[in-house]
N, C-alpha and C. Protein backbone atom coordinates (compact mmCIF):
# COMPACT_ATOMS: atom_id res chain seq x y z
N MET A 1 -28.62 15.28 -29.27
CA MET A 1 -28.82 15.05 -30.69
C MET A 1 -29.17 13.59 -30.99
N ASN A 2 -28.32 12.67 -30.43
CA ASN A 2 -28.49 11.24 -30.60
C ASN A 2 -29.93 10.68 -30.07
N ARG A 3 -30.26 11.55 -29.00
CA ARG A 3 -31.47 11.18 -28.41
C ARG A 3 -32.61 11.50 -29.26
N SER A 4 -32.60 12.57 -29.94
CA SER A 4 -33.69 12.99 -30.79
C SER A 4 -33.73 12.17 -31.97
N ILE A 5 -32.58 11.76 -32.50
CA ILE A 5 -32.66 10.83 -33.65
C ILE A 5 -33.27 9.39 -33.14
N ALA A 6 -32.88 8.96 -32.02
CA ALA A 6 -33.49 7.74 -31.51
C ALA A 6 -35.02 7.81 -31.34
N ILE A 7 -35.31 8.96 -30.81
CA ILE A 7 -36.89 9.06 -30.57
C ILE A 7 -37.63 9.24 -32.00
N THR A 8 -37.11 9.81 -32.92
CA THR A 8 -37.65 10.00 -34.22
C THR A 8 -37.64 8.54 -34.88
N ALA A 9 -36.66 7.75 -34.77
CA ALA A 9 -36.43 6.59 -35.39
C ALA A 9 -37.59 5.49 -34.80
N PHE A 10 -37.76 5.62 -33.34
CA PHE A 10 -38.73 4.80 -32.77
C PHE A 10 -40.21 5.16 -33.04
N THR A 11 -40.36 6.40 -33.13
CA THR A 11 -41.67 6.92 -33.56
C THR A 11 -42.07 6.46 -34.92
N LEU A 12 -41.17 6.59 -35.99
CA LEU A 12 -41.38 6.06 -37.20
C LEU A 12 -41.73 4.76 -37.34
N SER A 13 -40.81 3.87 -36.57
CA SER A 13 -41.05 2.31 -36.41
C SER A 13 -42.47 1.99 -35.94
N ALA A 14 -42.77 2.65 -34.79
CA ALA A 14 -44.13 2.50 -34.30
C ALA A 14 -45.31 2.70 -35.28
N LEU A 15 -45.13 3.80 -35.92
CA LEU A 15 -46.10 4.17 -37.02
C LEU A 15 -46.17 3.07 -38.21
N ALA A 16 -45.00 2.68 -38.63
CA ALA A 16 -45.07 1.60 -39.62
C ALA A 16 -45.57 0.41 -39.23
N ALA A 17 -45.35 -0.09 -37.91
CA ALA A 17 -45.82 -1.25 -37.43
C ALA A 17 -47.34 -1.22 -37.20
N GLY A 18 -47.80 -0.01 -36.90
CA GLY A 18 -49.35 0.19 -36.73
C GLY A 18 -50.04 -0.01 -38.13
N ALA A 19 -49.46 0.64 -39.14
CA ALA A 19 -50.04 0.44 -40.46
C ALA A 19 -50.02 -0.84 -40.98
N ALA A 20 -48.87 -1.67 -40.61
CA ALA A 20 -48.78 -3.01 -41.12
C ALA A 20 -49.87 -3.80 -40.46
N MET A 21 -50.11 -3.73 -39.12
CA MET A 21 -51.01 -4.35 -38.39
C MET A 21 -52.59 -4.01 -38.94
N ALA A 22 -52.77 -2.83 -39.28
CA ALA A 22 -54.13 -2.44 -39.82
C ALA A 22 -54.35 -3.07 -41.06
N GLN A 23 -53.37 -3.30 -41.90
CA GLN A 23 -53.55 -3.99 -43.26
C GLN A 23 -53.83 -5.58 -42.91
N ASP A 24 -53.29 -6.15 -41.99
CA ASP A 24 -53.39 -7.51 -41.70
C ASP A 24 -54.83 -8.08 -41.52
N THR A 25 -55.81 -7.21 -41.21
CA THR A 25 -57.24 -7.60 -41.05
C THR A 25 -57.96 -7.78 -42.42
N LYS A 26 -57.61 -7.13 -43.36
CA LYS A 26 -58.17 -7.41 -44.82
C LYS A 26 -58.12 -8.84 -45.29
N PRO A 27 -56.93 -9.40 -45.18
CA PRO A 27 -56.88 -10.84 -45.68
C PRO A 27 -57.88 -11.70 -45.07
N MET A 28 -58.03 -11.53 -43.75
CA MET A 28 -59.08 -12.44 -43.02
C MET A 28 -60.42 -12.12 -43.58
N ALA A 29 -60.73 -10.81 -43.66
CA ALA A 29 -62.11 -10.44 -44.20
C ALA A 29 -62.20 -11.08 -45.70
N ASP A 30 -61.21 -11.01 -46.45
CA ASP A 30 -61.33 -11.58 -47.72
C ASP A 30 -61.65 -13.16 -47.65
N LYS A 31 -60.96 -13.78 -46.64
CA LYS A 31 -60.90 -15.26 -46.59
C LYS A 31 -62.48 -15.59 -46.13
N MET A 32 -62.94 -14.72 -45.33
CA MET A 32 -64.36 -15.09 -44.82
C MET A 32 -65.48 -14.51 -45.78
N ALA A 33 -65.13 -14.05 -46.94
CA ALA A 33 -66.24 -13.67 -47.88
C ALA A 33 -66.62 -14.97 -48.40
N GLY A 34 -68.14 -15.13 -48.39
CA GLY A 34 -68.69 -16.23 -48.92
C GLY A 34 -68.46 -17.57 -47.92
N MET A 35 -68.14 -17.23 -46.70
CA MET A 35 -67.78 -18.33 -45.74
C MET A 35 -68.77 -17.93 -44.52
N GLU A 36 -68.92 -19.11 -43.74
CA GLU A 36 -69.64 -18.80 -42.42
C GLU A 36 -68.76 -19.64 -41.18
N LYS A 37 -69.07 -19.04 -40.08
CA LYS A 37 -68.41 -19.70 -38.93
C LYS A 37 -69.25 -20.91 -38.63
N CYS A 38 -68.69 -22.10 -38.44
CA CYS A 38 -69.52 -23.32 -38.23
C CYS A 38 -68.89 -23.82 -37.04
N TYR A 39 -69.56 -23.83 -35.77
CA TYR A 39 -69.09 -24.41 -34.62
C TYR A 39 -69.39 -25.98 -34.36
N GLY A 40 -68.46 -26.68 -33.78
CA GLY A 40 -68.66 -28.09 -33.51
C GLY A 40 -68.21 -29.04 -34.71
N VAL A 41 -67.48 -28.50 -35.54
CA VAL A 41 -67.16 -29.41 -36.89
C VAL A 41 -65.70 -29.54 -37.00
N ALA A 42 -64.85 -28.74 -36.21
CA ALA A 42 -63.40 -28.77 -36.42
C ALA A 42 -62.84 -30.04 -35.62
N MET A 43 -61.70 -30.48 -36.25
CA MET A 43 -60.93 -31.57 -35.48
C MET A 43 -60.07 -30.91 -34.61
N ALA A 44 -59.58 -31.60 -33.48
CA ALA A 44 -58.55 -30.88 -32.43
C ALA A 44 -57.55 -30.23 -33.19
N GLY A 45 -57.21 -29.14 -32.79
CA GLY A 45 -56.07 -28.24 -33.32
C GLY A 45 -56.32 -27.87 -34.68
N LYS A 46 -57.40 -28.04 -35.26
CA LYS A 46 -57.68 -27.50 -36.69
C LYS A 46 -58.80 -26.50 -36.82
N ASN A 47 -59.04 -25.81 -35.67
CA ASN A 47 -60.06 -24.87 -35.68
C ASN A 47 -59.54 -23.49 -36.41
N ASP A 48 -60.36 -22.77 -36.83
CA ASP A 48 -59.93 -21.44 -37.36
C ASP A 48 -59.75 -20.38 -36.28
N CYS A 49 -60.63 -20.45 -35.42
CA CYS A 49 -60.40 -19.50 -34.22
C CYS A 49 -61.48 -19.68 -33.16
N LYS A 50 -61.40 -18.90 -32.09
CA LYS A 50 -62.48 -19.06 -30.95
C LYS A 50 -62.43 -20.55 -30.40
N ALA A 51 -61.85 -20.85 -29.33
CA ALA A 51 -61.86 -22.18 -28.76
C ALA A 51 -62.12 -22.13 -27.26
N GLY A 52 -62.77 -21.12 -26.86
CA GLY A 52 -63.22 -20.93 -25.50
C GLY A 52 -62.24 -20.29 -24.54
N ALA A 53 -62.57 -20.26 -23.25
CA ALA A 53 -61.77 -19.51 -22.26
C ALA A 53 -60.44 -20.45 -22.08
N GLY A 54 -59.34 -19.71 -21.88
CA GLY A 54 -58.02 -20.34 -21.73
C GLY A 54 -57.29 -20.56 -22.92
N THR A 55 -57.81 -20.35 -24.16
CA THR A 55 -57.27 -20.66 -25.38
C THR A 55 -56.97 -19.42 -26.06
N THR A 56 -56.24 -19.33 -27.12
CA THR A 56 -55.88 -18.08 -27.88
C THR A 56 -56.85 -17.92 -29.21
N CYS A 57 -56.38 -18.67 -30.31
CA CYS A 57 -57.07 -18.64 -31.30
C CYS A 57 -56.85 -19.88 -32.25
N ALA A 58 -56.57 -19.59 -33.59
CA ALA A 58 -56.61 -20.76 -34.61
C ALA A 58 -55.64 -21.96 -33.91
N GLY A 59 -56.17 -23.07 -34.22
CA GLY A 59 -55.32 -24.28 -33.81
C GLY A 59 -55.48 -24.68 -32.30
N THR A 60 -56.20 -24.05 -31.51
CA THR A 60 -56.15 -24.25 -30.07
C THR A 60 -57.38 -25.19 -29.54
N SER A 61 -58.17 -25.69 -30.47
CA SER A 61 -59.16 -26.48 -29.75
C SER A 61 -58.46 -27.81 -29.29
N LYS A 62 -59.06 -28.35 -28.19
CA LYS A 62 -58.41 -29.39 -27.50
C LYS A 62 -59.15 -30.80 -27.87
N VAL A 63 -60.30 -30.79 -28.46
CA VAL A 63 -60.92 -32.09 -28.70
C VAL A 63 -61.55 -32.01 -30.26
N ASP A 64 -61.80 -33.10 -30.76
CA ASP A 64 -62.57 -33.22 -31.90
C ASP A 64 -63.97 -32.62 -31.83
N TYR A 65 -64.59 -31.72 -32.64
CA TYR A 65 -65.81 -31.19 -32.59
C TYR A 65 -66.21 -30.42 -31.45
N GLN A 66 -65.15 -29.62 -30.84
CA GLN A 66 -65.36 -28.87 -29.82
C GLN A 66 -66.43 -27.83 -30.13
N GLY A 67 -67.49 -27.76 -29.25
CA GLY A 67 -68.63 -26.85 -29.48
C GLY A 67 -68.38 -25.34 -29.62
N ASN A 68 -67.35 -24.85 -28.94
CA ASN A 68 -67.13 -23.51 -28.89
C ASN A 68 -65.83 -23.15 -29.77
N ALA A 69 -65.55 -23.94 -30.68
CA ALA A 69 -64.44 -23.73 -31.65
C ALA A 69 -65.14 -23.85 -33.13
N PHE A 70 -64.75 -22.85 -33.89
CA PHE A 70 -65.36 -22.73 -35.27
C PHE A 70 -64.37 -23.12 -36.42
N LYS A 71 -64.84 -23.49 -37.48
CA LYS A 71 -64.18 -23.69 -38.68
C LYS A 71 -64.86 -22.96 -39.82
N ALA A 72 -64.20 -22.16 -40.56
CA ALA A 72 -64.78 -21.40 -41.64
C ALA A 72 -65.30 -22.37 -42.80
N VAL A 73 -66.39 -22.46 -43.15
CA VAL A 73 -67.01 -23.41 -44.21
C VAL A 73 -67.75 -22.51 -45.11
N PRO A 74 -67.93 -22.99 -46.35
CA PRO A 74 -68.73 -22.29 -47.44
C PRO A 74 -70.12 -21.87 -46.79
N ALA A 75 -70.60 -20.73 -47.12
CA ALA A 75 -71.88 -20.21 -46.53
C ALA A 75 -72.94 -21.13 -47.05
N GLY A 76 -73.88 -21.48 -46.08
CA GLY A 76 -75.02 -22.38 -46.31
C GLY A 76 -74.71 -23.97 -46.26
N THR A 77 -73.58 -24.28 -45.74
CA THR A 77 -73.20 -25.59 -45.59
C THR A 77 -73.03 -26.06 -44.20
N CYS A 78 -72.91 -25.19 -43.19
CA CYS A 78 -72.66 -25.53 -41.76
C CYS A 78 -73.71 -26.51 -41.17
N VAL A 79 -74.94 -26.11 -41.22
CA VAL A 79 -76.04 -26.95 -40.49
C VAL A 79 -76.25 -28.31 -41.26
N THR A 80 -75.70 -28.40 -42.46
CA THR A 80 -75.79 -29.73 -43.04
C THR A 80 -74.68 -30.82 -42.76
N MET A 81 -73.71 -30.17 -42.26
CA MET A 81 -72.43 -31.03 -41.78
C MET A 81 -72.74 -32.00 -40.71
N LYS A 82 -72.42 -33.15 -40.80
CA LYS A 82 -72.86 -34.17 -39.96
C LYS A 82 -71.31 -34.73 -39.19
N THR A 83 -71.42 -34.75 -37.87
CA THR A 83 -70.32 -35.21 -37.04
C THR A 83 -70.85 -36.36 -36.17
N PRO A 84 -70.08 -37.11 -35.51
CA PRO A 84 -70.52 -38.10 -34.45
C PRO A 84 -71.20 -37.37 -33.40
N LYS A 85 -71.15 -36.13 -33.19
CA LYS A 85 -71.80 -35.36 -32.09
C LYS A 85 -73.15 -34.75 -32.49
N GLY A 86 -73.56 -34.92 -33.98
CA GLY A 86 -74.69 -34.17 -34.50
C GLY A 86 -74.31 -33.33 -35.69
N THR A 87 -75.05 -32.22 -35.79
CA THR A 87 -74.69 -31.32 -37.05
C THR A 87 -73.89 -30.23 -36.58
N GLY A 88 -73.40 -29.40 -37.49
CA GLY A 88 -72.67 -28.16 -37.22
C GLY A 88 -73.63 -27.05 -36.78
N SER A 89 -73.22 -26.07 -36.24
CA SER A 89 -74.05 -24.98 -35.64
C SER A 89 -73.36 -23.66 -36.05
N LEU A 90 -74.33 -22.67 -36.33
CA LEU A 90 -74.01 -21.34 -36.57
C LEU A 90 -73.50 -20.61 -35.27
N THR A 91 -73.92 -21.08 -34.15
CA THR A 91 -73.58 -20.47 -32.78
C THR A 91 -72.92 -21.49 -32.02
N GLU A 92 -72.12 -20.95 -30.97
CA GLU A 92 -71.43 -21.82 -30.09
C GLU A 92 -72.51 -22.82 -29.49
N MET A 93 -71.84 -24.08 -29.17
CA MET A 93 -72.52 -25.02 -28.55
C MET A 93 -71.80 -25.52 -27.25
N LYS A 94 -72.39 -26.18 -26.29
CA LYS A 94 -71.64 -26.77 -25.34
C LYS A 94 -71.11 -27.93 -25.70
N SER A 95 -69.79 -28.23 -25.25
CA SER A 95 -69.10 -29.40 -25.74
C SER A 95 -69.34 -30.60 -24.93
């Protein structure tokens, strides 16, 4: 009987966790509304996501203006952003 209760509790916990994780993606989508990914404009450790092989996600860029790390910026502004390495890009760049 105790085993059955434990299995039921575990199953319910897993379902609840899955539902919570599914809801986590909506805030990111809301944040990106009216925004675009701009590569090569983030300062070291200040990227929103994608920082190349061997990194995880937000805050993992190793150098300023890393070409494969993006920052979310207002739509239409990326390619006009100037950095010491040139302008921002809507696609990944070589660092």
